[in-house]
Amino acid sequence: MPFNDYVKYLTQQITSYIDTPAEDKKEQKVKNKEKPSVYSNRWLGVLPFAFKVARKKTN
């Protein structure tokens, strides 16, 4: 991705974030917090997930 495209994308994301009302931002934060996170994925990364998938495929 050329540097100009990257800067353009970042500015679009920043302006869209600034233009959203505070209420919508709060709703998005609450919605993101409601997702249950798996302990092993949150603290140990993708490797435990990969091992689980590999183990399920062998069974």
PDB file of N, CA and C in Angstrom:
ATOM      1  N   MET A   1       0.851  -1.168   0.000  1.00  0.00           N
ATOM      2  CA  MET A   1       0.000   0.000   0.000  1.00  0.00           C
ATOM      3  C   MET A   1       0.903   1.239   0.000  1.00  0.00           C
ATOM      4  N   PRO A   2       0.746   2.096  -0.980  1.00  0.00           N
ATOM      5  CA  PRO A   2       1.555   3.319  -1.013  1.00  0.00           C
ATOM      6  C   PRO A   2       1.275   4.209   0.204  1.00  0.00           C
ATOM      7  N   PHE A   3       2.254   5.009   0.532  1.00  0.00           N
ATOM      8  CA  PHE A   3       2.170   5.855   1.712  1.00  0.00           C
ATOM      9  C   PHE A   3       0.999   6.832   1.625  1.00  0.00           C
ATOM     10  N   ASN A   4       0.748   7.392   0.447  1.00  0.00           N
ATOM     11  CA  ASN A   4      -0.358   8.342   0.298  1.00  0.00           C
ATOM     12  C   ASN A   4      -1.705   7.686   0.583  1.00  0.00           C
ATOM     13  N   ASP A   5      -1.877   6.458   0.131  1.00  0.00           N
ATOM     14  CA  ASP A   5      -3.123   5.738   0.400  1.00  0.00           C
ATOM     15  C   ASP A   5      -3.285   5.462   1.887  1.00  0.00           C
ATOM     16  N   TYR A   6      -2.186   5.150   2.535  1.00  0.00           N
ATOM     17  CA  TYR A   6      -2.223   4.882   3.970  1.00  0.00           C
ATOM     18  C   TYR A   6      -2.626   6.140   4.738  1.00  0.00           C
ATOM     19  N   VAL A   7      -2.056   7.264   4.381  1.00  0.00           N
ATOM     20  CA  VAL A   7      -2.387   8.533   5.037  1.00  0.00           C
ATOM     21  C   VAL A   7      -3.846   8.884   4.773  1.00  0.00           C
ATOM     22  N   LYS A   8      -4.309   8.668   3.556  1.00  0.00           N
ATOM     23  CA  LYS A   8      -5.705   8.946   3.215  1.00  0.00           C
ATOM     24  C   LYS A   8      -6.647   8.083   4.048  1.00  0.00           C
ATOM     25  N   TYR A   9      -6.328   6.803   4.185  1.00  0.00           N
ATOM     26  CA  TYR A   9      -7.148   5.894   4.985  1.00  0.00           C
ATOM     27  C   TYR A   9      -7.180   6.339   6.447  1.00  0.00           C
ATOM     28  N   LEU A  10      -6.022   6.679   6.996  1.00  0.00           N
ATOM     29  CA  LEU A  10      -5.965   7.117   8.388  1.00  0.00           C
ATOM     30  C   LEU A  10      -6.780   8.385   8.610  1.00  0.00           C
ATOM     31  N   THR A  11      -6.679   9.327   7.704  1.00  0.00           N
ATOM     32  CA  THR A  11      -7.439  10.564   7.877  1.00  0.00           C
ATOM     33  C   THR A  11      -8.941  10.305   7.779  1.00  0.00           C
ATOM     34  N   GLN A  12      -9.350   9.389   6.923  1.00  0.00           N
ATOM     35  CA  GLN A  12     -10.776   9.048   6.842  1.00  0.00           C
ATOM     36  C   GLN A  12     -11.252   8.411   8.133  1.00  0.00           C
ATOM     37  N   GLN A  13     -10.460   7.520   8.694  1.00  0.00           N
ATOM     38  CA  GLN A  13     -10.839   6.865   9.939  1.00  0.00           C
ATOM     39  C   GLN A  13     -10.908   7.860  11.092  1.00  0.00           C
ATOM     40  N   ILE A  14      -9.948   8.750  11.163  1.00  0.00           N
ATOM     41  CA  ILE A  14      -9.920   9.740  12.240  1.00  0.00           C
ATOM     42  C   ILE A  14     -11.092  10.694  12.126  1.00  0.00           C
ATOM     43  N   THR A  15     -11.382  11.174  10.920  1.00  0.00           N
ATOM     44  CA  THR A  15     -12.496  12.107  10.760  1.00  0.00           C
ATOM     45  C   THR A  15     -13.833  11.419  11.022  1.00  0.00           C
ATOM     46  N   SER A  16     -13.964  10.161  10.642  1.00  0.00           N
ATOM     47  CA  SER A  16     -15.217   9.465  10.925  1.00  0.00           C
ATOM     48  C   SER A  16     -15.379   9.246  12.427  1.00  0.00           C
ATOM     49  N   TYR A  17     -14.293   9.007  13.140  1.00  0.00           N
ATOM     50  CA  TYR A  17     -14.355   8.847  14.587  1.00  0.00           C
ATOM     51  C   TYR A  17     -14.720  10.167  15.255  1.00  0.00           C
ATOM     52  N   ILE A  18     -14.145  11.248  14.786  1.00  0.00           N
ATOM     53  CA  ILE A  18     -14.428  12.562  15.370  1.00  0.00           C
ATOM     54  C   ILE A  18     -15.864  12.978  15.089  1.00  0.00           C
ATOM     55  N   ASP A  19     -16.376  12.635  13.927  1.00  0.00           N
ATOM     56  CA  ASP A  19     -17.731  13.044  13.546  1.00  0.00           C
ATOM     57  C   ASP A  19     -18.827  12.249  14.244  1.00  0.00           C
ATOM     58  N   THR A  20     -18.513  11.089  14.782  1.00  0.00           N
ATOM     59  CA  THR A  20     -19.546  10.299  15.458  1.00  0.00           C
ATOM     60  C   THR A  20     -19.885  10.934  16.801  1.00  0.00           C
ATOM     61  N   PRO A  21     -21.159  10.949  17.153  1.00  0.00           N
ATOM     62  CA  PRO A  21     -21.562  11.527  18.436  1.00  0.00           C
ATOM     63  C   PRO A  21     -21.021  10.717  19.614  1.00  0.00           C
ATOM     64  N   ALA A  22     -20.934  11.369  20.756  1.00  0.00           N
ATOM     65  CA  ALA A  22     -20.391  10.724  21.952  1.00  0.00           C
ATOM     66  C   ALA A  22     -21.254   9.546  22.384  1.00  0.00           C
ATOM     67  N   GLU A  23     -22.563   9.642  22.207  1.00  0.00           N
ATOM     68  CA  GLU A  23     -23.463   8.550  22.584  1.00  0.00           C
ATOM     69  C   GLU A  23     -23.166   7.285  21.796  1.00  0.00           C
ATOM     70  N   ASP A  24     -22.930   7.445  20.501  1.00  0.00           N
ATOM     71  CA  ASP A  24     -22.611   6.287  19.666  1.00  0.00           C
ATOM     72  C   ASP A  24     -21.290   5.645  20.083  1.00  0.00           C
ATOM     73  N   LYS A  25     -20.323   6.470  20.447  1.00  0.00           N
ATOM     74  CA  LYS A  25     -19.037   5.942  20.890  1.00  0.00           C
ATOM     75  C   LYS A  25     -19.219   5.128  22.169  1.00  0.00           C
ATOM     76  N   LYS A  26     -20.043   5.633  23.086  1.00  0.00           N
ATOM     77  CA  LYS A  26     -20.287   4.915  24.331  1.00  0.00           C
ATOM     78  C   LYS A  26     -20.985   3.590  24.059  1.00  0.00           C
ATOM     79  N   GLU A  27     -21.955   3.583  23.138  1.00  0.00           N
ATOM     80  CA  GLU A  27     -22.660   2.347  22.792  1.00  0.00           C
ATOM     81  C   GLU A  27     -21.700   1.322  22.203  1.00  0.00           C
ATOM     82  N   GLN A  28     -20.787   1.772  21.363  1.00  0.00           N
ATOM     83  CA  GLN A  28     -19.820   0.858  20.766  1.00  0.00           C
ATOM     84  C   GLN A  28     -18.902   0.268  21.831  1.00  0.00           C
ATOM     85  N   LYS A  29     -18.486   1.074  22.804  1.00  0.00           N
ATOM     86  CA  LYS A  29     -17.629   0.567  23.871  1.00  0.00           C
ATOM     87  C   LYS A  29     -18.362  -0.472  24.702  1.00  0.00           C
ATOM     88  N   VAL A  30     -19.633  -0.206  25.001  1.00  0.00           N
ATOM     89  CA  VAL A  30     -20.419  -1.154  25.786  1.00  0.00           C
ATOM     90  C   VAL A  30     -20.611  -2.445  25.000  1.00  0.00           C
ATOM     91  N   LYS A  31     -20.866  -2.329  23.710  1.00  0.00           N
ATOM     92  CA  LYS A  31     -21.072  -3.506  22.870  1.00  0.00           C
ATOM     93  C   LYS A  31     -19.798  -4.349  22.811  1.00  0.00           C
ATOM     94  N   ASN A  32     -18.647  -3.701  22.731  1.00  0.00           N
ATOM     95  CA  ASN A  32     -17.383  -4.440  22.680  1.00  0.00           C
ATOM     96  C   ASN A  32     -17.076  -5.119  24.004  1.00  0.00           C
ATOM     97  N   LYS A  33     -17.471  -4.522  25.118  1.00  0.00           N
ATOM     98  CA  LYS A  33     -17.202  -5.119  26.420  1.00  0.00           C
ATOM     99  C   LYS A  33     -18.098  -6.317  26.689  1.00  0.00           C
ATOM    100  N   GLU A  34     -19.247  -6.403  26.043  1.00  0.00           N
ATOM    101  CA  GLU A  34     -20.172  -7.501  26.271  1.00  0.00           C
ATOM    102  C   GLU A  34     -19.695  -8.815  25.681  1.00  0.00           C
ATOM    103  N   LYS A  35     -18.740  -8.769  24.763  1.00  0.00           N
ATOM    104  CA  LYS A  35     -18.256  -9.992  24.137  1.00  0.00           C
ATOM    105  C   LYS A  35     -17.489 -10.817  25.165  1.00  0.00           C
ATOM    106  N   PRO A  36     -17.863 -12.070  25.325  1.00  0.00           N
ATOM    107  CA  PRO A  36     -17.081 -12.897  26.243  1.00  0.00           C
ATOM    108  C   PRO A  36     -15.754 -13.260  25.596  1.00  0.00           C
ATOM    109  N   SER A  37     -14.691 -13.066  26.331  1.00  0.00           N
ATOM    110  CA  SER A  37     -13.376 -13.407  25.788  1.00  0.00           C
ATOM    111  C   SER A  37     -12.903 -14.709  26.415  1.00  0.00           C
ATOM    112  N   VAL A  38     -12.336 -15.532  25.605  1.00  0.00           N
ATOM    113  CA  VAL A  38     -11.801 -16.801  26.082  1.00  0.00           C
ATOM    114  C   VAL A  38     -10.466 -16.513  26.757  1.00  0.00           C
ATOM    115  N   TYR A  39     -10.303 -17.023  27.959  1.00  0.00           N
ATOM    116  CA  TYR A  39      -9.110 -16.730  28.752  1.00  0.00           C
ATOM    117  C   TYR A  39      -7.828 -17.099  28.014  1.00  0.00           C
ATOM    118  N   SER A  40      -7.791 -18.283  27.428  1.00  0.00           N
ATOM    119  CA  SER A  40      -6.557 -18.732  26.781  1.00  0.00           C
ATOM    120  C   SER A  40      -6.221 -17.875  25.566  1.00  0.00           C
ATOM    121  N   ASN A  41      -7.218 -17.456  24.811  1.00  0.00           N
ATOM    122  CA  ASN A  41      -6.948 -16.621  23.643  1.00  0.00           C
ATOM    123  C   ASN A  41      -6.544 -15.211  24.051  1.00  0.00           C
ATOM    124  N   ARG A  42      -7.141 -14.724  25.107  1.00  0.00           N
ATOM    125  CA  ARG A  42      -6.854 -13.354  25.527  1.00  0.00           C
ATOM    126  C   ARG A  42      -5.441 -13.225  26.069  1.00  0.00           C
ATOM    127  N   TRP A  43      -4.997 -14.181  26.868  1.00  0.00           N
ATOM    128  CA  TRP A  43      -3.711 -14.050  27.529  1.00  0.00           C
ATOM    129  C   TRP A  43      -2.583 -14.771  26.805  1.00  0.00           C
ATOM    130  N   LEU A  44      -2.884 -15.784  26.057  1.00  0.00           N
ATOM    131  CA  LEU A  44      -1.822 -16.574  25.457  1.00  0.00           C
ATOM    132  C   LEU A  44      -1.754 -16.452  23.940  1.00  0.00           C
ATOM    133  N   GLY A  45      -2.690 -15.793  23.327  1.00  0.00           N
ATOM    134  CA  GLY A  45      -2.626 -15.564  21.893  1.00  0.00           C
ATOM    135  C   GLY A  45      -3.326 -16.633  21.086  1.00  0.00           C
ATOM    136  N   VAL A  46      -2.860 -16.810  19.873  1.00  0.00           N
ATOM    137  CA  VAL A  46      -3.517 -17.668  18.904  1.00  0.00           C
ATOM    138  C   VAL A  46      -3.086 -19.131  19.036  1.00  0.00           C
ATOM    139  N   LEU A  47      -1.948 -19.380  19.631  1.00  0.00           N
ATOM    140  CA  LEU A  47      -1.433 -20.750  19.692  1.00  0.00           C
ATOM    141  C   LEU A  47      -2.375 -21.732  20.374  1.00  0.00           C
ATOM    142  N   PRO A  48      -2.972 -21.418  21.517  1.00  0.00           N
ATOM    143  CA  PRO A  48      -3.910 -22.380  22.105  1.00  0.00           C
ATOM    144  C   PRO A  48      -5.096 -22.669  21.188  1.00  0.00           C
ATOM    145  N   PHE A  49      -5.572 -21.651  20.506  1.00  0.00           N
ATOM    146  CA  PHE A  49      -6.669 -21.841  19.560  1.00  0.00           C
ATOM    147  C   PHE A  49      -6.243 -22.768  18.432  1.00  0.00           C
ATOM    148  N   ALA A  50      -5.038 -22.574  17.915  1.00  0.00           N
ATOM    149  CA  ALA A  50      -4.540 -23.416  16.831  1.00  0.00           C
ATOM    150  C   ALA A  50      -4.416 -24.868  17.284  1.00  0.00           C
ATOM    151  N   PHE A  51      -3.953 -25.081  18.507  1.00  0.00           N
ATOM    152  CA  PHE A  51      -3.845 -26.444  19.030  1.00  0.00           C
ATOM    153  C   PHE A  51      -5.220 -27.087  19.181  1.00  0.00           C
ATOM    154  N   LYS A  52      -6.196 -26.311  19.627  1.00  0.00           N
ATOM    155  CA  LYS A  52      -7.556 -26.840  19.774  1.00  0.00           C
ATOM    156  C   LYS A  52      -8.134 -27.258  18.435  1.00  0.00           C
ATOM    157  N   VAL A  53      -7.938 -26.414  17.421  1.00  0.00           N
ATOM    158  CA  VAL A  53      -8.454 -26.721  16.090  1.00  0.00           C
ATOM    159  C   VAL A  53      -7.753 -27.954  15.524  1.00  0.00           C
ATOM    160  N   ALA A  54      -6.452 -28.034  15.708  1.00  0.00           N
ATOM    161  CA  ALA A  54      -5.708 -29.193  15.197  1.00  0.00           C
ATOM    162  C   ALA A  54      -6.165 -30.469  15.904  1.00  0.00           C
ATOM    163  N   ARG A  55      -6.419 -30.391  17.203  1.00  0.00           N
ATOM    164  CA  ARG A  55      -6.855 -31.563  17.951  1.00  0.00           C
ATOM    165  C   ARG A  55      -8.260 -32.005  17.499  1.00  0.00           C
ATOM    166  N   LYS A  56      -9.140 -31.037  17.227  1.00  0.00           N
ATOM    167  CA  LYS A  56     -10.495 -31.383  16.767  1.00  0.00           C
ATOM    168  C   LYS A  56     -10.456 -32.027  15.383  1.00  0.00           C
ATOM    169  N   LYS A  57      -9.545 -31.584  14.531  1.00  0.00           N
ATOM    170  CA  LYS A  57      -9.468 -32.155  13.183  1.00  0.00           C
ATOM    171  C   LYS A  57      -8.960 -33.594  13.206  1.00  0.00           C
ATOM    172  N   THR A  58      -8.102 -33.918  14.153  1.00  0.00           N
ATOM    173  CA  THR A  58      -7.574 -35.277  14.220  1.00  0.00           C
ATOM    174  C   THR A  58      -8.596 -36.251  14.787  1.00  0.00           C
ATOM    175  N   ASN A  59      -9.536 -35.765  15.574  1.00  0.00           N
ATOM    176  CA  ASN A  59     -10.551 -36.650  16.167  1.00  0.00           C
ATOM    177  C   ASN A  59     -11.660 -36.945  15.216  1.00  0.00           C
TER     178      ASN A  59
END
